[in-house]
N, C-alpha and C. Protein backbone atom coordinates (compact mmCIF):
# COMPACT_ATOMS: atom_id res chain seq x y z
N MET A 1 -32.47 -29.86 124.90
CA MET A 1 -31.23 -29.18 124.81
C MET A 1 -31.38 -28.24 126.03
N GLY A 2 -30.12 -28.39 126.99
CA GLY A 2 -30.02 -27.72 128.07
C GLY A 2 -29.40 -26.42 127.74
N SER A 3 -29.02 -25.55 128.71
CA SER A 3 -28.14 -24.33 128.35
C SER A 3 -26.80 -24.90 128.22
N HIS A 4 -26.40 -25.92 129.11
CA HIS A 4 -24.99 -26.39 128.73
C HIS A 4 -24.66 -26.72 127.38
N ASP A 5 -25.56 -27.19 126.59
CA ASP A 5 -25.23 -27.97 125.31
C ASP A 5 -25.47 -26.46 124.32
N ILE A 6 -26.33 -25.47 124.54
CA ILE A 6 -26.01 -24.12 123.77
C ILE A 6 -24.83 -23.42 124.11
N ILE A 7 -24.11 -23.39 125.44
CA ILE A 7 -22.97 -22.87 125.51
C ILE A 7 -21.75 -23.69 124.85
N ALA A 8 -21.83 -25.07 124.83
CA ALA A 8 -20.90 -25.73 124.22
C ALA A 8 -20.91 -25.52 122.69
N TRP A 9 -22.26 -25.34 122.18
CA TRP A 9 -22.07 -25.06 120.67
C TRP A 9 -21.72 -23.77 120.68
N LEU A 10 -21.74 -22.66 121.30
CA LEU A 10 -21.25 -21.48 121.11
C LEU A 10 -19.78 -21.37 121.28
N VAL A 11 -19.15 -22.08 122.25
CA VAL A 11 -17.80 -22.10 122.26
C VAL A 11 -16.98 -22.69 121.31
N ILE A 12 -17.73 -24.18 120.98
CA ILE A 12 -17.22 -24.70 119.35
C ILE A 12 -17.25 -24.02 118.52
N GLY A 13 -18.12 -23.29 118.21
CA GLY A 13 -18.64 -22.47 117.00
C GLY A 13 -17.60 -21.30 116.94
N ALA A 14 -17.41 -20.71 117.95
CA ALA A 14 -16.38 -19.52 118.15
C ALA A 14 -15.17 -19.88 117.87
N ILE A 15 -14.50 -21.07 118.59
CA ILE A 15 -13.24 -21.38 118.25
C ILE A 15 -13.28 -21.95 116.53
N ALA A 16 -14.30 -22.67 116.29
CA ALA A 16 -13.97 -23.15 114.92
C ALA A 16 -14.09 -21.96 113.65
N GLY A 17 -14.86 -20.95 114.33
CA GLY A 17 -15.06 -19.84 113.07
C GLY A 17 -13.73 -19.09 113.23
N TRP A 18 -13.25 -18.77 114.35
CA TRP A 18 -11.86 -18.16 114.44
C TRP A 18 -10.80 -19.01 113.76
N LEU A 19 -10.65 -20.02 113.98
CA LEU A 19 -9.61 -21.01 113.43
C LEU A 19 -9.68 -20.79 111.74
N ALA A 20 -11.03 -21.23 111.35
CA ALA A 20 -11.09 -21.07 110.07
C ALA A 20 -11.09 -19.74 109.35
N GLY A 21 -11.20 -18.73 109.97
CA GLY A 21 -10.88 -17.29 109.53
C GLY A 21 -9.39 -16.95 109.46
N LYS A 22 -8.70 -17.83 110.25
CA LYS A 22 -7.24 -17.72 110.31
C LYS A 22 -6.65 -18.55 108.87
N LEU A 23 -7.25 -19.53 109.03
CA LEU A 23 -6.86 -20.75 107.77
C LEU A 23 -7.18 -20.27 106.39
N VAL A 24 -8.13 -19.72 106.08
CA VAL A 24 -8.54 -19.07 104.91
C VAL A 24 -8.16 -17.58 104.80
N LYS A 25 -7.26 -17.21 104.08
CA LYS A 25 -6.69 -16.01 103.87
C LYS A 25 -7.63 -15.00 104.77
N GLY A 26 -6.93 -13.97 105.61
CA GLY A 26 -7.38 -13.21 106.16
C GLY A 26 -7.62 -13.56 107.57
N SER A 27 -8.16 -12.71 108.52
CA SER A 27 -8.45 -12.79 109.97
C SER A 27 -9.93 -13.10 110.22
N GLY A 28 -10.30 -13.23 111.35
CA GLY A 28 -11.62 -13.23 112.07
C GLY A 28 -12.49 -12.35 111.52
N PHE A 29 -13.90 -12.55 111.75
CA PHE A 29 -14.85 -11.42 111.44
C PHE A 29 -15.46 -11.07 112.42
N GLY A 30 -14.82 -11.12 113.67
CA GLY A 30 -15.54 -10.51 114.74
C GLY A 30 -16.24 -11.92 115.50
N LEU A 31 -16.41 -11.66 116.56
CA LEU A 31 -16.77 -12.88 117.59
C LEU A 31 -18.42 -13.32 116.93
N LEU A 32 -19.40 -12.62 116.80
CA LEU A 32 -20.45 -12.88 116.31
C LEU A 32 -20.48 -13.82 114.91
N VAL A 33 -19.67 -13.22 114.01
CA VAL A 33 -19.90 -13.99 112.70
C VAL A 33 -18.96 -14.97 112.72
N ASP A 34 -17.75 -14.85 113.56
CA ASP A 34 -16.97 -16.27 113.92
C ASP A 34 -17.96 -17.30 114.24
N ILE A 35 -18.83 -17.09 115.55
CA ILE A 35 -19.63 -18.18 116.25
C ILE A 35 -20.65 -18.70 115.00
N ILE A 36 -21.17 -17.65 114.24
CA ILE A 36 -22.13 -18.30 113.32
C ILE A 36 -21.45 -19.14 111.96
N VAL A 37 -20.47 -18.80 111.45
CA VAL A 37 -19.56 -19.33 110.53
C VAL A 37 -19.32 -20.86 111.28
N GLY A 38 -18.60 -20.87 112.24
CA GLY A 38 -18.51 -22.11 113.37
C GLY A 38 -19.31 -22.96 113.34
N ILE A 39 -20.67 -22.27 113.55
CA ILE A 39 -21.84 -23.32 113.93
C ILE A 39 -22.21 -24.00 112.43
N VAL A 40 -22.45 -23.10 111.53
CA VAL A 40 -22.95 -23.68 110.19
C VAL A 40 -21.76 -24.42 109.38
N GLY A 41 -20.45 -24.32 109.91
CA GLY A 41 -19.53 -25.02 109.56
C GLY A 41 -19.28 -26.29 110.20
N ALA A 42 -20.03 -26.30 111.56
CA ALA A 42 -20.25 -27.77 112.35
C ALA A 42 -21.21 -28.49 111.55
N PHE A 43 -22.33 -28.07 111.37
CA PHE A 43 -23.39 -28.83 110.53
C PHE A 43 -22.71 -29.35 109.18
N LEU A 44 -22.19 -28.27 108.56
CA LEU A 44 -21.61 -29.04 107.17
C LEU A 44 -20.59 -29.83 107.36
N GLY A 45 -19.72 -29.67 108.28
CA GLY A 45 -18.65 -30.60 108.59
C GLY A 45 -19.09 -32.21 108.91
N GLY A 46 -20.32 -31.79 110.02
CA GLY A 46 -20.70 -33.11 110.52
C GLY A 46 -21.45 -34.01 109.19
N TRP A 47 -22.27 -33.15 108.62
CA TRP A 47 -22.99 -33.79 107.53
C TRP A 47 -22.08 -34.36 106.46
N LEU A 48 -20.64 -33.52 106.04
CA LEU A 48 -19.95 -34.24 105.23
C LEU A 48 -18.94 -35.39 105.76
N SER A 49 -18.74 -35.57 107.04
CA SER A 49 -18.15 -36.62 107.62
C SER A 49 -19.02 -37.60 107.49
N GLY A 50 -20.23 -37.77 107.61
CA GLY A 50 -21.35 -38.88 107.82
C GLY A 50 -21.52 -39.21 106.46
N VAL A 51 -21.58 -38.40 105.22
CA VAL A 51 -21.91 -38.91 103.79
C VAL A 51 -20.31 -39.64 103.25
N LEU A 52 -19.15 -39.05 103.87
CA LEU A 52 -18.03 -39.75 103.30
C LEU A 52 -17.79 -40.77 104.50
N GLY A 53 -18.40 -41.13 105.37
CA GLY A 53 -17.80 -42.26 106.35
C GLY A 53 -16.94 -41.99 107.00
N ILE A 54 -16.36 -40.66 107.20
CA ILE A 54 -15.13 -40.22 108.18
C ILE A 54 -15.72 -39.96 109.63
N SER A 55 -14.94 -40.54 110.65
CA SER A 55 -15.16 -40.36 111.86
C SER A 55 -13.83 -40.00 112.52
N LEU A 56 -13.99 -38.59 113.07
CA LEU A 56 -12.78 -38.20 113.99
C LEU A 56 -12.92 -38.48 115.50
N GLY A 57 -13.76 -39.13 115.89
CA GLY A 57 -14.27 -39.62 117.27
C GLY A 57 -14.89 -38.68 117.91
N ALA A 58 -15.03 -38.83 119.23
CA ALA A 58 -16.12 -38.06 119.82
C ALA A 58 -14.98 -37.07 120.85
N GLY A 59 -15.83 -36.14 121.53
CA GLY A 59 -15.36 -35.23 122.33
C GLY A 59 -15.19 -33.80 121.71
N TRP A 60 -14.59 -32.76 122.73
CA TRP A 60 -14.44 -31.52 122.11
C TRP A 60 -13.33 -31.49 120.89
N ILE A 61 -12.38 -31.93 121.07
CA ILE A 61 -11.19 -31.70 119.98
C ILE A 61 -11.82 -32.05 118.81
N ALA A 62 -12.35 -33.42 118.57
CA ALA A 62 -12.84 -33.82 117.37
C ALA A 62 -14.01 -33.17 117.02
N SER A 63 -14.81 -32.12 117.77
CA SER A 63 -15.98 -31.45 117.45
C SER A 63 -15.45 -30.23 116.71
N ILE A 64 -14.47 -29.84 117.20
CA ILE A 64 -13.83 -28.39 117.04
C ILE A 64 -12.90 -28.88 115.87
N ILE A 65 -12.54 -29.57 115.30
CA ILE A 65 -11.82 -30.17 114.18
C ILE A 65 -12.78 -30.32 113.03
N THR A 66 -13.99 -30.84 113.27
CA THR A 66 -14.77 -31.30 112.25
C THR A 66 -15.53 -29.79 112.00
N ALA A 67 -15.85 -29.28 112.99
CA ALA A 67 -16.92 -27.64 112.93
C ALA A 67 -15.41 -26.87 111.83
N THR A 68 -14.34 -26.84 112.42
CA THR A 68 -13.68 -26.11 111.60
C THR A 68 -13.20 -26.54 110.08
N ILE A 69 -13.11 -27.55 110.05
CA ILE A 69 -13.15 -27.94 108.45
C ILE A 69 -14.35 -27.71 107.66
N GLY A 70 -15.50 -27.90 108.35
CA GLY A 70 -16.79 -27.28 107.62
C GLY A 70 -16.71 -26.01 107.27
N ALA A 71 -16.27 -25.21 108.43
CA ALA A 71 -15.99 -23.68 108.37
C ALA A 71 -15.07 -23.20 107.10
N VAL A 72 -14.07 -23.93 107.14
CA VAL A 72 -13.16 -23.50 106.23
C VAL A 72 -13.71 -23.71 104.65
N ILE A 73 -14.54 -25.13 104.62
CA ILE A 73 -15.13 -25.05 103.38
C ILE A 73 -16.22 -24.08 102.91
N LEU A 74 -16.90 -23.56 104.12
CA LEU A 74 -17.89 -22.54 103.94
C LEU A 74 -17.56 -21.38 103.48
N LEU A 75 -16.34 -21.04 104.05
CA LEU A 75 -15.49 -19.68 103.95
C LEU A 75 -15.22 -19.68 102.34
N PHE A 76 -14.46 -21.02 102.07
CA PHE A 76 -13.76 -21.00 100.76
C PHE A 76 -14.90 -20.93 99.56
N VAL A 77 -16.15 -21.51 99.89
CA VAL A 77 -17.44 -21.25 99.10
C VAL A 77 -17.77 -19.99 98.92
N VAL A 78 -18.22 -19.26 100.27
CA VAL A 78 -18.51 -17.94 100.22
C VAL A 78 -17.50 -16.95 99.57
N ARG A 79 -16.24 -17.18 99.68
CA ARG A 79 -15.18 -16.41 98.85
C ARG A 79 -15.12 -16.25 97.43
N LEU A 80 -15.51 -17.54 96.92
CA LEU A 80 -15.56 -17.86 95.46
C LEU A 80 -16.73 -17.21 94.97
N PHE A 81 -17.94 -17.05 95.43
CA PHE A 81 -19.27 -16.46 95.17
C PHE A 81 -18.96 -14.70 95.20
N LYS A 82 -18.34 -14.62 96.38
CA LYS A 82 -18.05 -13.11 96.59
C LYS A 82 -17.33 -12.55 95.41
N ARG A 83 -16.28 -13.21 95.08
CA ARG A 83 -15.16 -12.50 93.90
C ARG A 83 -15.97 -12.64 92.61
N ALA A 84 -17.00 -13.46 92.21
CA ALA A 84 -17.79 -13.61 91.10
C ALA A 84 -18.65 -12.53 90.84
């Protein structure tokens, strides 16, 4: 994994985390937490799309969409547990 790959993960994670924060009631959580939520969401979204057999294609846009969907699911689950 090269430094370009890590930078790409951080950029996609930041965008996906920020979008997820905007889509799930409330705003973003700050850059660092947005990146973490986005990266974890990317893993979750990638895993779910593989399990469900869904492919959004390749490239930056598909990666951001997949990561955002995973991050939204992650935030929804976290907020469910936070309320309880």
